[in-house]
Amino acid sequence: MKFSLNIEQRLSIAQFLPKEGNLSEQLIGKSILDKSFVSKEDMKALQFHPLYQGRIDPDTDFEKEIDLSPEEYELLYSNFLQQDKDKKITSANVDLALKIREAKSQKPEMAIK
């Protein structure tokens, strides 16, 4: 499943991964983090502006497409569901939460933007 994620979403993806679990879950989570890695070059291209309350200036943000395997997506989705049930979705990760939820209703070959 393909996701088009901006820097802010890539930085917050770890919030939807298990903090602990079995080795298989942790390796899947590591793979997701590797795919969504934000490089030094990515960070240099960004600007932070007080007007956006410490968040990234949307004019300097850009998206990167990442391709998640079915196992990676299911791990992300199951952790999203648990956080949603526990009322742990925050304003910092709500955009990514929406993409994760919307992807469940999309056809697997479609990219989520």
PDB file of N, CA and C in Angstrom:
ATOM      1  N   MET A   1       0.852  -1.170   0.000  1.00  0.00           N
ATOM      2  CA  MET A   1       0.000   0.000   0.000  1.00  0.00           C
ATOM      3  C   MET A   1       0.896   1.230   0.000  1.00  0.00           C
ATOM      4  N   LYS A   2       0.614   2.132  -0.904  1.00  0.00           N
ATOM      5  CA  LYS A   2       1.443   3.333  -1.035  1.00  0.00           C
ATOM      6  C   LYS A   2       0.814   4.497  -0.272  1.00  0.00           C
ATOM      7  N   PHE A   3       1.666   5.206   0.452  1.00  0.00           N
ATOM      8  CA  PHE A   3       1.262   6.400   1.185  1.00  0.00           C
ATOM      9  C   PHE A   3       2.138   7.554   0.736  1.00  0.00           C
ATOM     10  N   SER A   4       1.545   8.696   0.533  1.00  0.00           N
ATOM     11  CA  SER A   4       2.289   9.913   0.252  1.00  0.00           C
ATOM     12  C   SER A   4       2.257  10.733   1.542  1.00  0.00           C
ATOM     13  N   LEU A   5       3.407  10.808   2.219  1.00  0.00           N
ATOM     14  CA  LEU A   5       3.479  11.436   3.542  1.00  0.00           C
ATOM     15  C   LEU A   5       4.401  12.637   3.539  1.00  0.00           C
ATOM     16  N   ASN A   6       3.951  13.712   4.182  1.00  0.00           N
ATOM     17  CA  ASN A   6       4.823  14.871   4.329  1.00  0.00           C
ATOM     18  C   ASN A   6       5.777  14.628   5.498  1.00  0.00           C
ATOM     19  N   ILE A   7       6.662  15.566   5.714  1.00  0.00           N
ATOM     20  CA  ILE A   7       7.680  15.406   6.766  1.00  0.00           C
ATOM     21  C   ILE A   7       7.038  15.237   8.135  1.00  0.00           C
ATOM     22  N   GLU A   8       6.070  16.070   8.450  1.00  0.00           N
ATOM     23  CA  GLU A   8       5.422  16.003   9.758  1.00  0.00           C
ATOM     24  C   GLU A   8       4.793  14.624   9.987  1.00  0.00           C
ATOM     25  N   GLN A   9       4.173  14.069   8.970  1.00  0.00           N
ATOM     26  CA  GLN A   9       3.559  12.745   9.089  1.00  0.00           C
ATOM     27  C   GLN A   9       4.626  11.664   9.216  1.00  0.00           C
ATOM     28  N   ARG A  10       5.720  11.806   8.480  1.00  0.00           N
ATOM     29  CA  ARG A  10       6.806  10.832   8.586  1.00  0.00           C
ATOM     30  C   ARG A  10       7.451  10.869   9.963  1.00  0.00           C
ATOM     31  N   LEU A  11       7.542  12.066  10.543  1.00  0.00           N
ATOM     32  CA  LEU A  11       8.108  12.182  11.887  1.00  0.00           C
ATOM     33  C   LEU A  11       7.188  11.588  12.947  1.00  0.00           C
ATOM     34  N   SER A  12       5.885  11.626  12.710  1.00  0.00           N
ATOM     35  CA  SER A  12       4.944  11.135  13.719  1.00  0.00           C
ATOM     36  C   SER A  12       4.544   9.677  13.532  1.00  0.00           C
ATOM     37  N   ILE A  13       5.051   9.015  12.503  1.00  0.00           N
ATOM     38  CA  ILE A  13       4.637   7.634  12.234  1.00  0.00           C
ATOM     39  C   ILE A  13       4.997   6.701  13.387  1.00  0.00           C
ATOM     40  N   ALA A  14       6.067   6.977  14.102  1.00  0.00           N
ATOM     41  CA  ALA A  14       6.475   6.127  15.224  1.00  0.00           C
ATOM     42  C   ALA A  14       5.412   6.101  16.325  1.00  0.00           C
ATOM     43  N   GLN A  15       4.585   7.135  16.388  1.00  0.00           N
ATOM     44  CA  GLN A  15       3.532   7.170  17.402  1.00  0.00           C
ATOM     45  C   GLN A  15       2.477   6.094  17.173  1.00  0.00           C
ATOM     46  N   PHE A  16       2.436   5.533  15.960  1.00  0.00           N
ATOM     47  CA  PHE A  16       1.474   4.478  15.649  1.00  0.00           C
ATOM     48  C   PHE A  16       2.140   3.108  15.544  1.00  0.00           C
ATOM     49  N   LEU A  17       3.297   2.977  16.165  1.00  0.00           N
ATOM     50  CA  LEU A  17       3.989   1.696  16.218  1.00  0.00           C
ATOM     51  C   LEU A  17       4.056   1.228  17.665  1.00  0.00           C
ATOM     52  N   PRO A  18       4.086  -0.082  17.874  1.00  0.00           N
ATOM     53  CA  PRO A  18       4.147  -0.576  19.255  1.00  0.00           C
ATOM     54  C   PRO A  18       5.473  -0.215  19.919  1.00  0.00           C
ATOM     55  N   LYS A  19       5.400   0.212  21.153  1.00  0.00           N
ATOM     56  CA  LYS A  19       6.609   0.547  21.895  1.00  0.00           C
ATOM     57  C   LYS A  19       7.333  -0.718  22.343  1.00  0.00           C
ATOM     58  N   GLU A  20       6.574  -1.779  22.522  1.00  0.00           N
ATOM     59  CA  GLU A  20       7.154  -3.076  22.845  1.00  0.00           C
ATOM     60  C   GLU A  20       6.274  -4.157  22.235  1.00  0.00           C
ATOM     61  N   GLY A  21       6.846  -5.333  22.085  1.00  0.00           N
ATOM     62  CA  GLY A  21       6.106  -6.439  21.490  1.00  0.00           C
ATOM     63  C   GLY A  21       7.070  -7.552  21.144  1.00  0.00           C
ATOM     64  N   ASN A  22       6.586  -8.500  20.358  1.00  0.00           N
ATOM     65  CA  ASN A  22       7.476  -9.596  19.996  1.00  0.00           C
ATOM     66  C   ASN A  22       8.461  -9.135  18.917  1.00  0.00           C
ATOM     67  N   LEU A  23       9.444  -9.987  18.651  1.00  0.00           N
ATOM     68  CA  LEU A  23      10.509  -9.628  17.711  1.00  0.00           C
ATOM     69  C   LEU A  23       9.951  -9.321  16.327  1.00  0.00           C
ATOM     70  N   SER A  24       9.000 -10.103  15.884  1.00  0.00           N
ATOM     71  CA  SER A  24       8.412  -9.896  14.562  1.00  0.00           C
ATOM     72  C   SER A  24       7.781  -8.507  14.443  1.00  0.00           C
ATOM     73  N   GLU A  25       6.998  -8.119  15.448  1.00  0.00           N
ATOM     74  CA  GLU A  25       6.375  -6.780  15.434  1.00  0.00           C
ATOM     75  C   GLU A  25       7.419  -5.673  15.423  1.00  0.00           C
ATOM     76  N   GLN A  26       8.469  -5.845  16.194  1.00  0.00           N
ATOM     77  CA  GLN A  26       9.511  -4.823  16.260  1.00  0.00           C
ATOM     78  C   GLN A  26      10.276  -4.714  14.945  1.00  0.00           C
ATOM     79  N   LEU A  27      10.497  -5.830  14.278  1.00  0.00           N
ATOM     80  CA  LEU A  27      11.184  -5.797  12.982  1.00  0.00           C
ATOM     81  C   LEU A  27      10.307  -5.147  11.915  1.00  0.00           C
ATOM     82  N   ILE A  28       9.004  -5.409  11.967  1.00  0.00           N
ATOM     83  CA  ILE A  28       8.079  -4.761  11.032  1.00  0.00           C
ATOM     84  C   ILE A  28       8.069  -3.258  11.302  1.00  0.00           C
ATOM     85  N   GLY A  29       8.026  -2.884  12.565  1.00  0.00           N
ATOM     86  CA  GLY A  29       8.057  -1.463  12.926  1.00  0.00           C
ATOM     87  C   GLY A  29       9.341  -0.792  12.471  1.00  0.00           C
ATOM     88  N   LYS A  30      10.456  -1.476  12.627  1.00  0.00           N
ATOM     89  CA  LYS A  30      11.742  -0.928  12.182  1.00  0.00           C
ATOM     90  C   LYS A  30      11.731  -0.709  10.673  1.00  0.00           C
ATOM     91  N   SER A  31      11.134  -1.634   9.940  1.00  0.00           N
ATOM     92  CA  SER A  31      11.045  -1.499   8.493  1.00  0.00           C
ATOM     93  C   SER A  31      10.229  -0.263   8.101  1.00  0.00           C
ATOM     94  N   ILE A  32       9.143  -0.022   8.823  1.00  0.00           N
ATOM     95  CA  ILE A  32       8.317   1.171   8.565  1.00  0.00           C
ATOM     96  C   ILE A  32       9.129   2.437   8.838  1.00  0.00           C
ATOM     97  N   LEU A  33       9.847   2.440   9.950  1.00  0.00           N
ATOM     98  CA  LEU A  33      10.668   3.609  10.280  1.00  0.00           C
ATOM     99  C   LEU A  33      11.765   3.834   9.244  1.00  0.00           C
ATOM    100  N   ASP A  34      12.364   2.768   8.768  1.00  0.00           N
ATOM    101  CA  ASP A  34      13.398   2.897   7.734  1.00  0.00           C
ATOM    102  C   ASP A  34      12.820   3.503   6.456  1.00  0.00           C
ATOM    103  N   LYS A  35      11.632   3.067   6.080  1.00  0.00           N
ATOM    104  CA  LYS A  35      10.995   3.576   4.860  1.00  0.00           C
ATOM    105  C   LYS A  35      10.572   5.042   4.992  1.00  0.00           C
ATOM    106  N   SER A  36      10.229   5.453   6.193  1.00  0.00           N
ATOM    107  CA  SER A  36       9.731   6.821   6.388  1.00  0.00           C
ATOM    108  C   SER A  36      10.812   7.758   6.936  1.00  0.00           C
ATOM    109  N   PHE A  37      12.047   7.321   6.925  1.00  0.00           N
ATOM    110  CA  PHE A  37      13.181   8.074   7.464  1.00  0.00           C
ATOM    111  C   PHE A  37      13.239   9.499   6.897  1.00  0.00           C
ATOM    112  N   VAL A  38      13.521  10.446   7.785  1.00  0.00           N
ATOM    113  CA  VAL A  38      13.684  11.843   7.383  1.00  0.00           C
ATOM    114  C   VAL A  38      15.178  12.151   7.426  1.00  0.00           C
ATOM    115  N   SER A  39      15.741  12.433   6.264  1.00  0.00           N
ATOM    116  CA  SER A  39      17.184  12.664   6.165  1.00  0.00           C
ATOM    117  C   SER A  39      17.562  14.092   6.559  1.00  0.00           C
ATOM    118  N   LYS A  40      18.852  14.314   6.731  1.00  0.00           N
ATOM    119  CA  LYS A  40      19.353  15.665   7.010  1.00  0.00           C
ATOM    120  C   LYS A  40      19.019  16.603   5.860  1.00  0.00           C
ATOM    121  N   GLU A  41      19.083  16.096   4.641  1.00  0.00           N
ATOM    122  CA  GLU A  41      18.756  16.924   3.473  1.00  0.00           C
ATOM    123  C   GLU A  41      17.289  17.326   3.490  1.00  0.00           C
ATOM    124  N   ASP A  42      16.425  16.390   3.904  1.00  0.00           N
ATOM    125  CA  ASP A  42      15.000  16.712   4.033  1.00  0.00           C
ATOM    126  C   ASP A  42      14.807  17.850   5.037  1.00  0.00           C
ATOM    127  N   MET A  43      15.473  17.738   6.170  1.00  0.00           N
ATOM    128  CA  MET A  43      15.310  18.741   7.234  1.00  0.00           C
ATOM    129  C   MET A  43      15.853  20.106   6.814  1.00  0.00           C
ATOM    130  N   LYS A  44      16.925  20.121   6.033  1.00  0.00           N
ATOM    131  CA  LYS A  44      17.495  21.400   5.588  1.00  0.00           C
ATOM    132  C   LYS A  44      16.530  22.164   4.684  1.00  0.00           C
ATOM    133  N   ALA A  45      15.690  21.437   3.974  1.00  0.00           N
ATOM    134  CA  ALA A  45      14.753  22.065   3.040  1.00  0.00           C
ATOM    135  C   ALA A  45      13.559  22.710   3.748  1.00  0.00           C
ATOM    136  N   LEU A  46      13.388  22.411   5.028  1.00  0.00           N
ATOM    137  CA  LEU A  46      12.224  22.904   5.766  1.00  0.00           C
ATOM    138  C   LEU A  46      12.498  24.211   6.482  1.00  0.00           C
ATOM    139  N   GLN A  47      11.419  24.916   6.759  1.00  0.00           N
ATOM    140  CA  GLN A  47      11.494  26.115   7.586  1.00  0.00           C
ATOM    141  C   GLN A  47      10.399  26.037   8.641  1.00  0.00           C
ATOM    142  N   PHE A  48      10.752  26.477   9.835  1.00  0.00           N
ATOM    143  CA  PHE A  48       9.771  26.546  10.913  1.00  0.00           C
ATOM    144  C   PHE A  48       9.439  28.014  11.112  1.00  0.00           C
ATOM    145  N   HIS A  49       8.197  28.300  11.380  1.00  0.00           N
ATOM    146  CA  HIS A  49       7.752  29.687  11.456  1.00  0.00           C
ATOM    147  C   HIS A  49       6.857  29.853  12.671  1.00  0.00           C
ATOM    148  N   PRO A  50       7.077  30.939  13.450  1.00  0.00           N
ATOM    149  CA  PRO A  50       6.246  31.166  14.640  1.00  0.00           C
ATOM    150  C   PRO A  50       4.746  31.225  14.329  1.00  0.00           C
ATOM    151  N   LEU A  51       4.411  31.679  13.144  1.00  0.00           N
ATOM    152  CA  LEU A  51       3.005  31.776  12.753  1.00  0.00           C
ATOM    153  C   LEU A  51       2.323  30.408  12.804  1.00  0.00           C
ATOM    154  N   TYR A  52       3.102  29.348  12.577  1.00  0.00           N
ATOM    155  CA  TYR A  52       2.548  27.999  12.570  1.00  0.00           C
ATOM    156  C   TYR A  52       2.757  27.289  13.910  1.00  0.00           C
ATOM    157  N   GLN A  53       2.983  28.041  14.968  1.00  0.00           N
ATOM    158  CA  GLN A  53       3.113  27.533  16.336  1.00  0.00           C
ATOM    159  C   GLN A  53       4.161  26.424  16.442  1.00  0.00           C
ATOM    160  N   GLY A  54       5.327  26.668  15.851  1.00  0.00           N
ATOM    161  CA  GLY A  54       6.430  25.718  15.922  1.00  0.00           C
ATOM    162  C   GLY A  54       6.331  24.565  14.950  1.00  0.00           C
ATOM    163  N   ARG A  55       5.287  24.550  14.151  1.00  0.00           N
ATOM    164  CA  ARG A  55       5.132  23.483  13.167  1.00  0.00           C
ATOM    165  C   ARG A  55       5.821  23.885  11.863  1.00  0.00           C
ATOM    166  N   ILE A  56       5.910  22.954  10.955  1.00  0.00           N
ATOM    167  CA  ILE A  56       6.592  23.177   9.687  1.00  0.00           C
ATOM    168  C   ILE A  56       5.773  24.110   8.804  1.00  0.00           C
ATOM    169  N   ASP A  57       6.466  25.067   8.205  1.00  0.00           N
ATOM    170  CA  ASP A  57       5.831  25.974   7.244  1.00  0.00           C
ATOM    171  C   ASP A  57       5.352  25.125   6.066  1.00  0.00           C
ATOM    172  N   PRO A  58       4.047  25.107   5.779  1.00  0.00           N
ATOM    173  CA  PRO A  58       3.542  24.244   4.705  1.00  0.00           C
ATOM    174  C   PRO A  58       4.124  24.568   3.331  1.00  0.00           C
ATOM    175  N   ASP A  59       4.601  25.779   3.147  1.00  0.00           N
ATOM    176  CA  ASP A  59       5.205  26.133   1.861  1.00  0.00           C
ATOM    177  C   ASP A  59       6.548  25.438   1.631  1.00  0.00           C
ATOM    178  N   THR A  60       7.191  24.973   2.709  1.00  0.00           N
ATOM    179  CA  THR A  60       8.482  24.298   2.563  1.00  0.00           C
ATOM    180  C   THR A  60       8.375  22.793   2.759  1.00  0.00           C
ATOM    181  N   ASP A  61       7.215  22.313   3.162  1.00  0.00           N
ATOM    182  CA  ASP A  61       7.029  20.877   3.364  1.00  0.00           C
ATOM    183  C   ASP A  61       6.855  20.179   2.016  1.00  0.00           C
ATOM    184  N   PHE A  62       7.201  18.931   1.954  1.00  0.00           N
ATOM    185  CA  PHE A  62       7.034  18.156   0.722  1.00  0.00           C
ATOM    186  C   PHE A  62       6.735  16.716   1.097  1.00  0.00           C
ATOM    187  N   GLU A  63       6.160  15.993   0.161  1.00  0.00           N
ATOM    188  CA  GLU A  63       5.756  14.626   0.422  1.00  0.00           C
ATOM    189  C   GLU A  63       6.714  13.624  -0.217  1.00  0.00           C
ATOM    190  N   LYS A  64       6.760  12.462   0.397  1.00  0.00           N
ATOM    191  CA  LYS A  64       7.547  11.336  -0.115  1.00  0.00           C
ATOM    192  C   LYS A  64       6.613  10.129  -0.107  1.00  0.00           C
ATOM    193  N   GLU A  65       6.661   9.369  -1.162  1.00  0.00           N
ATOM    194  CA  GLU A  65       5.825   8.184  -1.232  1.00  0.00           C
ATOM    195  C   GLU A  65       6.550   7.011  -0.593  1.00  0.00           C
ATOM    196  N   ILE A  66       5.852   6.329   0.305  1.00  0.00           N
ATOM    197  CA  ILE A  66       6.399   5.107   0.891  1.00  0.00           C
ATOM    198  C   ILE A  66       5.437   3.971   0.581  1.00  0.00           C
ATOM    199  N   ASP A  67       5.997   2.809   0.373  1.00  0.00           N
ATOM    200  CA  ASP A  67       5.206   1.633   0.012  1.00  0.00           C
ATOM    201  C   ASP A  67       5.272   0.651   1.175  1.00  0.00           C
ATOM    202  N   LEU A  68       4.124   0.425   1.819  1.00  0.00           N
ATOM    203  CA  LEU A  68       4.064  -0.487   2.955  1.00  0.00           C
ATOM    204  C   LEU A  68       3.547  -1.847   2.518  1.00  0.00           C
ATOM    205  N   SER A  69       4.150  -2.884   3.053  1.00  0.00           N
ATOM    206  CA  SER A  69       3.669  -4.243   2.810  1.00  0.00           C
ATOM    207  C   SER A  69       2.354  -4.423   3.576  1.00  0.00           C
ATOM    208  N   PRO A  70       1.583  -5.451   3.258  1.00  0.00           N
ATOM    209  CA  PRO A  70       0.348  -5.692   4.015  1.00  0.00           C
ATOM    210  C   PRO A  70       0.605  -5.862   5.516  1.00  0.00           C
ATOM    211  N   GLU A  71       1.698  -6.528   5.880  1.00  0.00           N
ATOM    212  CA  GLU A  71       2.020  -6.719   7.301  1.00  0.00           C
ATOM    213  C   GLU A  71       2.353  -5.387   7.969  1.00  0.00           C
ATOM    214  N   GLU A  72       3.083  -4.543   7.271  1.00  0.00           N
ATOM    215  CA  GLU A  72       3.434  -3.229   7.829  1.00  0.00           C
ATOM    216  C   GLU A  72       2.180  -2.385   8.029  1.00  0.00           C
ATOM    217  N   TYR A  73       1.308  -2.389   7.018  1.00  0.00           N
ATOM    218  CA  TYR A  73       0.077  -1.599   7.148  1.00  0.00           C
ATOM    219  C   TYR A  73      -0.790  -2.120   8.293  1.00  0.00           C
ATOM    220  N   GLU A  74      -0.925  -3.432   8.416  1.00  0.00           N
ATOM    221  CA  GLU A  74      -1.772  -3.998   9.481  1.00  0.00           C
ATOM    222  C   GLU A  74      -1.232  -3.649  10.865  1.00  0.00           C
ATOM    223  N   LEU A  75       0.089  -3.642  11.022  1.00  0.00           N
ATOM    224  CA  LEU A  75       0.672  -3.244  12.305  1.00  0.00           C
ATOM    225  C   LEU A  75       0.338  -1.782  12.605  1.00  0.00           C
ATOM    226  N   LEU A  76       0.513  -0.936  11.610  1.00  0.00           N
ATOM    227  CA  LEU A  76       0.198   0.488  11.765  1.00  0.00           C
ATOM    228  C   LEU A  76      -1.287   0.677  12.077  1.00  0.00           C
ATOM    229  N   TYR A  77      -2.141  -0.022  11.335  1.00  0.00           N
ATOM    230  CA  TYR A  77      -3.588   0.118  11.496  1.00  0.00           C
ATOM    231  C   TYR A  77      -4.057  -0.389  12.864  1.00  0.00           C
ATOM    232  N   SER A  78      -3.542  -1.518  13.304  1.00  0.00           N
ATOM    233  CA  SER A  78      -3.978  -2.052  14.601  1.00  0.00           C
ATOM    234  C   SER A  78      -3.565  -1.132  15.747  1.00  0.00           C
ATOM    235  N   ASN A  79      -2.394  -0.522  15.635  1.00  0.00           N
ATOM    236  CA  ASN A  79      -1.972   0.422  16.673  1.00  0.00           C
ATOM    237  C   ASN A  79      -2.772   1.717  16.603  1.00  0.00           C
ATOM    238  N   PHE A  80      -3.125   2.139  15.397  1.00  0.00           N
ATOM    239  CA  PHE A  80      -4.011   3.299  15.247  1.00  0.00           C
ATOM    240  C   PHE A  80      -5.350   3.019  15.929  1.00  0.00           C
ATOM    241  N   LEU A  81      -5.938   1.841  15.671  1.00  0.00           N
ATOM    242  CA  LEU A  81      -7.231   1.498  16.273  1.00  0.00           C
ATOM    243  C   LEU A  81      -7.167   1.531  17.801  1.00  0.00           C
ATOM    244  N   GLN A  82      -6.077   0.977  18.349  1.00  0.00           N
ATOM    245  CA  GLN A  82      -5.940   0.966  19.809  1.00  0.00           C
ATOM    246  C   GLN A  82      -5.828   2.381  20.369  1.00  0.00           C
ATOM    247  N   GLN A  83      -5.048   3.228  19.695  1.00  0.00           N
ATOM    248  CA  GLN A  83      -4.908   4.607  20.170  1.00  0.00           C
ATOM    249  C   GLN A  83      -6.215   5.368  20.033  1.00  0.00           C
ATOM    250  N   ASP A  84      -6.941   5.104  18.970  1.00  0.00           N
ATOM    251  CA  ASP A  84      -8.235   5.755  18.788  1.00  0.00           C
ATOM    252  C   ASP A  84      -9.202   5.318  19.895  1.00  0.00           C
ATOM    253  N   LYS A  85      -9.236   4.032  20.173  1.00  0.00           N
ATOM    254  CA  LYS A  85     -10.096   3.502  21.239  1.00  0.00           C
ATOM    255  C   LYS A  85      -9.726   4.109  22.596  1.00  0.00           C
ATOM    256  N   ASP A  86      -8.424   4.264  22.833  1.00  0.00           N
ATOM    257  CA  ASP A  86      -7.934   4.813  24.108  1.00  0.00           C
ATOM    258  C   ASP A  86      -7.960   6.343  24.141  1.00  0.00           C
ATOM    259  N   LYS A  87      -8.441   6.958  23.055  1.00  0.00           N
ATOM    260  CA  LYS A  87      -8.507   8.422  22.929  1.00  0.00           C
ATOM    261  C   LYS A  87      -7.125   9.055  23.063  1.00  0.00           C
ATOM    262  N   LYS A  88      -6.158   8.500  22.325  1.00  0.00           N
ATOM    263  CA  LYS A  88      -4.773   8.974  22.362  1.00  0.00           C
ATOM    264  C   LYS A  88      -4.345   9.675  21.077  1.00  0.00           C
ATOM    265  N   ILE A  89      -5.286   9.941  20.176  1.00  0.00           N
ATOM    266  CA  ILE A  89      -4.956  10.673  18.950  1.00  0.00           C
ATOM    267  C   ILE A  89      -4.746  12.142  19.337  1.00  0.00           C
ATOM    268  N   THR A  90      -3.662  12.734  18.829  1.00  0.00           N
ATOM    269  CA  THR A  90      -3.339  14.120  19.182  1.00  0.00           C
ATOM    270  C   THR A  90      -3.435  15.018  17.948  1.00  0.00           C
ATOM    271  N   SER A  91      -3.395  16.319  18.191  1.00  0.00           N
ATOM    272  CA  SER A  91      -3.406  17.261  17.061  1.00  0.00           C
ATOM    273  C   SER A  91      -2.152  17.101  16.209  1.00  0.00           C
ATOM    274  N   ALA A  92      -1.071  16.596  16.784  1.00  0.00           N
ATOM    275  CA  ALA A  92       0.177  16.408  16.039  1.00  0.00           C
ATOM    276  C   ALA A  92       0.119  15.206  15.094  1.00  0.00           C
ATOM    277  N   ASN A  93      -0.734  14.218  15.388  1.00  0.00           N
ATOM    278  CA  ASN A  93      -0.769  13.044  14.530  1.00  0.00           C
ATOM    279  C   ASN A  93      -2.128  12.784  13.882  1.00  0.00           C
ATOM    280  N   VAL A  94      -3.054  13.718  13.995  1.00  0.00           N
ATOM    281  CA  VAL A  94      -4.399  13.502  13.456  1.00  0.00           C
ATOM    282  C   VAL A  94      -4.404  13.352  11.934  1.00  0.00           C
ATOM    283  N   ASP A  95      -3.559  14.097  11.222  1.00  0.00           N
ATOM    284  CA  ASP A  95      -3.530  13.977   9.758  1.00  0.00           C
ATOM    285  C   ASP A  95      -3.083  12.578   9.332  1.00  0.00           C
ATOM    286  N   LEU A  96      -2.063  12.060   9.999  1.00  0.00           N
ATOM    287  CA  LEU A  96      -1.599  10.711   9.695  1.00  0.00           C
ATOM    288  C   LEU A  96      -2.653   9.680  10.099  1.00  0.00           C
ATOM    289  N   ALA A  97      -3.301   9.887  11.224  1.00  0.00           N
ATOM    290  CA  ALA A  97      -4.366   8.976  11.666  1.00  0.00           C
ATOM    291  C   ALA A  97      -5.471   8.881  10.618  1.00  0.00           C
ATOM    292  N   LEU A  98      -5.833  10.005  10.042  1.00  0.00           N
ATOM    293  CA  LEU A  98      -6.860  10.007   8.999  1.00  0.00           C
ATOM    294  C   LEU A  98      -6.406   9.221   7.773  1.00  0.00           C
ATOM    295  N   LYS A  99      -5.143   9.383   7.381  1.00  0.00           N
ATOM    296  CA  LYS A  99      -4.628   8.636   6.227  1.00  0.00           C
ATOM    297  C   LYS A  99      -4.632   7.131   6.499  1.00  0.00           C
ATOM    298  N   ILE A 100      -4.251   6.747   7.700  1.00  0.00           N
ATOM    299  CA  ILE A 100      -4.234   5.330   8.052  1.00  0.00           C
ATOM    300  C   ILE A 100      -5.656   4.769   8.004  1.00  0.00           C
ATOM    301  N   ARG A 101      -6.605   5.506   8.564  1.00  0.00           N
ATOM    302  CA  ARG A 101      -8.003   5.046   8.568  1.00  0.00           C
ATOM    303  C   ARG A 101      -8.580   4.987   7.156  1.00  0.00           C
ATOM    304  N   GLU A 102      -8.332   6.024   6.365  1.00  0.00           N
ATOM    305  CA  GLU A 102      -8.873   6.077   5.004  1.00  0.00           C
ATOM    306  C   GLU A 102      -8.308   4.968   4.123  1.00  0.00           C
ATOM    307  N   ALA A 103      -7.073   4.578   4.373  1.00  0.00           N
ATOM    308  CA  ALA A 103      -6.443   3.546   3.556  1.00  0.00           C
ATOM    309  C   ALA A 103      -7.162   2.206   3.679  1.00  0.00           C
ATOM    310  N   LYS A 104      -7.794   1.965   4.802  1.00  0.00           N
ATOM    311  CA  LYS A 104      -8.502   0.700   5.012  1.00  0.00           C
ATOM    312  C   LYS A 104      -9.646   0.533   4.011  1.00  0.00           C
ATOM    313  N   SER A 105     -10.255   1.643   3.612  1.00  0.00           N
ATOM    314  CA  SER A 105     -11.389   1.569   2.693  1.00  0.00           C
ATOM    315  C   SER A 105     -10.972   1.689   1.227  1.00  0.00           C
ATOM    316  N   GLN A 106      -9.683   1.913   0.975  1.00  0.00           N
ATOM    317  CA  GLN A 106      -9.188   2.063  -0.395  1.00  0.00           C
ATOM    318  C   GLN A 106      -8.770   0.708  -0.961  1.00  0.00           C
ATOM    319  N   LYS A 107      -8.711   0.645  -2.267  1.00  0.00           N
ATOM    320  CA  LYS A 107      -8.200  -0.567  -2.917  1.00  0.00           C
ATOM    321  C   LYS A 107      -6.688  -0.619  -2.673  1.00  0.00           C
ATOM    322  N   PRO A 108      -6.128  -1.798  -2.466  1.00  0.00           N
ATOM    323  CA  PRO A 108      -4.697  -1.935  -2.146  1.00  0.00           C
ATOM    324  C   PRO A 108      -3.755  -1.279  -3.154  1.00  0.00           C
ATOM    325  N   GLU A 109      -4.120  -1.256  -4.433  1.00  0.00           N
ATOM    326  CA  GLU A 109      -3.196  -0.712  -5.427  1.00  0.00           C
ATOM    327  C   GLU A 109      -3.222   0.817  -5.495  1.00  0.00           C
ATOM    328  N   MET A 110      -4.143   1.451  -4.771  1.00  0.00           N
ATOM    329  CA  MET A 110      -4.262   2.913  -4.843  1.00  0.00           C
ATOM    330  C   MET A 110      -3.298   3.570  -3.858  1.00  0.00           C
ATOM    331  N   ALA A 111      -2.765   4.685  -4.263  1.00  0.00           N
ATOM    332  CA  ALA A 111      -1.903   5.470  -3.371  1.00  0.00           C
ATOM    333  C   ALA A 111      -2.764   6.384  -2.521  1.00  0.00           C
ATOM    334  N   ILE A 112      -2.407   6.568  -1.263  1.00  0.00           N
ATOM    335  CA  ILE A 112      -3.139   7.446  -0.353  1.00  0.00           C
ATOM    336  C   ILE A 112      -2.388   8.754  -0.271  1.00  0.00           C
ATOM    337  N   LYS A 113      -3.059   9.836  -0.678  1.00  0.00           N
ATOM    338  CA  LYS A 113      -2.416  11.150  -0.654  1.00  0.00           C
ATOM    339  C   LYS A 113      -3.080  12.039   0.337  1.00  0.00           C
TER     340      LYS A 113
END
